[in-house]
Amino acid sequence: MGAQRSISFTLNGVMVTATIEPHHNLIDLLQAQFGLTGAREACGQGLCGCCTVLVDGRAVSGCLYLASFVDGADVATIEGFDVPNQLSAEQEAFIETGAFQCGYCTSGFIIMSTQLLDEHPEPSDDQIKHYLTGNLCRCAAYPEIIEAVKLAARKRKTRAATWATA
């Protein structure tokens, strides 16, 4: 065992503390110490996007990102999207368009779609494809995924208009 160290960070809106080894990656930390399994290690090389989480609002490959790097950071996982009786626009859109088959890659696609729509509320097809190039779907649901992102953009716009008039 190496030199353990304690880190503190915000995880899905809650301040947490963890003890890590220098070699632990973020996915190991999230799964082993917090029981969060939405982001999954699949390729172990940062190529498939299944392990995508947000650190300080930016998508990272949790399989490559060292756990020590989140000390003092804000980490958001797909579990952080869990609001009782309410799905995010992205979650609704993925369900409504059938933009998943086995579901293994879905959390990574939803995280990346969220970042995309935060930065580009009305993305073009090229922007969608560019943002999602680091995410692989082995079931080949790509047309449905692109449609889900477009639908999520429309849902966000409708929700914003509804909230503005409420």
Protein backbone atom coordinates (compact mmCIF):
# COMPACT_ATOMS: atom_id res chain seq x y z
CA MET A 1 0.00 0.00 0.00
CA GLY A 2 1.12 3.51 -0.77
CA ALA A 3 0.76 6.63 1.26
CA GLN A 4 -2.94 7.13 1.88
CA ARG A 5 -4.29 10.64 1.98
CA SER A 6 -7.56 12.27 2.84
CA ILE A 7 -9.37 14.46 0.33
CA SER A 8 -12.55 16.53 0.58
CA PHE A 9 -14.79 17.55 -2.28
CA THR A 10 -18.39 18.22 -3.18
CA LEU A 11 -20.14 15.17 -4.62
CA ASN A 12 -23.53 15.77 -6.21
CA GLY A 13 -24.04 18.82 -4.01
CA VAL A 14 -22.86 17.26 -0.73
CA MET A 15 -19.45 17.87 0.88
CA VAL A 16 -17.68 14.53 1.39
CA THR A 17 -14.32 13.24 2.60
CA ALA A 18 -12.51 10.15 1.37
CA THR A 19 -9.27 8.30 2.03
CA ILE A 20 -7.43 7.36 -1.15
CA GLU A 21 -4.27 5.75 -2.38
CA PRO A 22 -2.17 7.81 -4.85
CA HIS A 23 -3.01 5.43 -7.71
CA HIS A 24 -6.81 5.41 -7.26
CA ASN A 25 -8.79 6.75 -10.18
CA LEU A 26 -12.04 8.66 -9.81
CA ILE A 27 -14.24 5.71 -10.84
CA ASP A 28 -12.64 3.49 -8.18
CA LEU A 29 -13.30 6.17 -5.57
CA LEU A 30 -16.92 6.76 -6.60
CA GLN A 31 -17.76 3.08 -6.66
CA ALA A 32 -15.80 1.79 -3.67
CA GLN A 33 -16.38 4.57 -1.16
CA PHE A 34 -19.69 6.07 -2.28
CA GLY A 35 -21.48 3.17 -4.02
CA LEU A 36 -22.04 5.21 -7.19
CA THR A 37 -22.09 2.89 -10.19
CA GLY A 38 -23.67 5.06 -12.91
CA ALA A 39 -20.28 5.88 -14.41
CA ARG A 40 -18.55 2.66 -15.36
CA GLU A 41 -15.07 1.70 -16.38
CA ALA A 42 -15.28 -0.12 -19.69
CA CYS A 43 -12.15 0.47 -21.76
CA GLY A 44 -9.82 1.78 -19.04
CA GLN A 45 -8.23 4.08 -21.63
CA GLY A 46 -10.56 7.09 -21.73
CA LEU A 47 -11.83 6.14 -25.18
CA CYS A 48 -15.42 5.00 -24.67
CA GLY A 49 -17.05 7.64 -22.44
CA CYS A 50 -18.80 5.16 -20.11
CA CYS A 51 -16.89 6.63 -17.15
CA THR A 52 -17.73 10.29 -17.87
CA VAL A 53 -18.36 12.52 -14.85
CA LEU A 54 -18.25 16.29 -14.39
CA VAL A 55 -15.46 17.88 -12.37
CA ASP A 56 -15.99 21.58 -11.82
CA GLY A 57 -18.49 21.51 -14.68
CA ARG A 58 -16.17 19.87 -17.22
CA ALA A 59 -16.48 16.30 -18.46
CA VAL A 60 -13.60 14.01 -17.57
CA SER A 61 -12.85 10.34 -18.12
CA GLY A 62 -13.13 8.96 -14.62
CA CYS A 63 -11.02 5.91 -15.49
CA LEU A 64 -8.01 8.14 -16.21
CA TYR A 65 -8.66 10.96 -13.78
CA LEU A 66 -6.79 10.47 -10.51
CA ALA A 67 -8.98 10.67 -7.43
CA SER A 68 -6.49 13.05 -5.80
CA PHE A 69 -7.31 15.66 -8.47
CA VAL A 70 -10.84 16.15 -7.07
CA ASP A 71 -9.60 17.45 -3.72
CA GLY A 72 -11.54 20.72 -3.31
CA ALA A 73 -13.49 20.20 -6.54
CA ASP A 74 -17.17 19.89 -7.39
CA VAL A 75 -17.95 16.43 -8.80
CA ALA A 76 -21.25 15.56 -10.46
CA THR A 77 -22.26 12.06 -11.52
CA ILE A 78 -25.40 10.78 -13.21
CA GLU A 79 -26.73 9.99 -9.73
CA GLY A 80 -26.67 13.74 -9.06
CA PHE A 81 -29.38 14.12 -11.68
CA ASP A 82 -31.72 12.17 -9.40
CA VAL A 83 -34.47 14.56 -8.36
CA PRO A 84 -37.56 12.89 -6.86
CA ASN A 85 -40.41 12.69 -9.37
CA GLN A 86 -38.50 14.67 -12.00
CA LEU A 87 -36.18 13.73 -14.84
CA SER A 88 -33.79 16.15 -16.48
CA ALA A 89 -34.59 17.19 -20.04
CA GLU A 90 -31.75 14.96 -21.21
CA GLN A 91 -33.02 11.92 -19.31
CA GLU A 92 -36.56 12.41 -20.63
CA ALA A 93 -35.31 12.82 -24.18
CA PHE A 94 -33.18 9.67 -24.06
CA ILE A 95 -36.19 7.69 -22.84
CA GLU A 96 -38.64 9.19 -25.33
CA THR A 97 -36.38 8.62 -28.35
CA GLY A 98 -35.16 5.18 -27.26
CA ALA A 99 -31.58 6.49 -27.36
CA PHE A 100 -30.19 3.48 -25.58
CA GLN A 101 -30.37 -0.24 -25.87
CA CYS A 102 -28.33 -2.01 -23.22
CA GLY A 103 -27.89 1.24 -21.26
CA TYR A 104 -24.24 0.71 -20.39
CA CYS A 105 -23.09 3.90 -22.14
CA THR A 106 -26.17 6.01 -21.42
CA SER A 107 -24.91 7.87 -18.34
CA GLY A 108 -21.82 9.07 -20.23
CA PHE A 109 -23.93 10.25 -23.15
CA ILE A 110 -26.32 12.10 -20.82
CA ILE A 111 -23.43 13.79 -18.99
CA MET A 112 -21.85 14.91 -22.28
CA SER A 113 -25.21 16.03 -23.66
CA THR A 114 -25.74 18.13 -20.54
CA GLN A 115 -22.38 19.82 -20.94
CA LEU A 116 -23.08 20.40 -24.64
CA LEU A 117 -26.49 21.96 -24.01
CA ASP A 118 -25.10 24.11 -21.18
CA GLU A 119 -22.57 25.54 -23.65
CA HIS A 120 -24.66 25.43 -26.85
CA PRO A 121 -28.41 25.54 -26.10
CA GLU A 122 -29.32 24.98 -29.77
CA PRO A 123 -26.55 22.77 -31.13
CA SER A 124 -26.13 21.84 -34.77
CA ASP A 125 -25.78 18.20 -35.81
CA ASP A 126 -22.04 18.80 -36.25
CA GLN A 127 -21.73 20.21 -32.72
CA ILE A 128 -23.61 17.22 -31.31
CA LYS A 129 -21.40 14.78 -33.18
CA HIS A 130 -18.25 16.64 -32.11
CA TYR A 131 -19.20 16.65 -28.41
CA LEU A 132 -20.15 12.99 -28.44
CA THR A 133 -17.10 11.69 -30.35
CA GLY A 134 -15.55 10.46 -27.09
CA ASN A 135 -18.58 8.31 -26.27
CA LEU A 136 -19.11 4.91 -27.83
CA CYS A 137 -22.35 2.97 -28.06
CA ARG A 138 -21.69 -0.64 -28.90
CA CYS A 139 -25.40 -1.12 -29.65
CA ALA A 140 -25.17 1.58 -32.36
CA ALA A 141 -28.03 3.79 -31.17
CA TYR A 142 -26.34 6.87 -32.66
CA PRO A 143 -29.27 8.24 -34.72
CA GLU A 144 -31.51 8.02 -31.64
CA ILE A 145 -28.85 9.64 -29.46
CA ILE A 146 -28.53 12.60 -31.82
CA GLU A 147 -32.32 12.95 -31.87
CA ALA A 148 -32.37 12.76 -28.06
CA VAL A 149 -29.95 15.68 -27.79
CA LYS A 150 -32.07 17.75 -30.16
CA LEU A 151 -35.21 16.88 -28.19
CA ALA A 152 -33.48 17.73 -24.91
CA ALA A 153 -32.56 21.15 -26.32
CA ARG A 154 -36.22 21.77 -27.21
CA LYS A 155 -37.34 20.55 -23.77
CA ARG A 156 -34.88 22.87 -22.04
CA LYS A 157 -36.12 25.81 -24.10
CA THR A 158 -39.77 24.98 -23.27
CA ARG A 159 -38.99 24.57 -19.57
CA ALA A 160 -37.11 27.88 -19.48
CA ALA A 161 -40.06 29.64 -21.12
CA THR A 162 -42.49 28.02 -18.68
CA TRP A 163 -40.38 29.01 -15.67
CA ALA A 164 -40.03 32.57 -16.99
CA THR A 165 -43.82 33.00 -17.14
CA ALA A 166 -44.51 31.31 -13.80
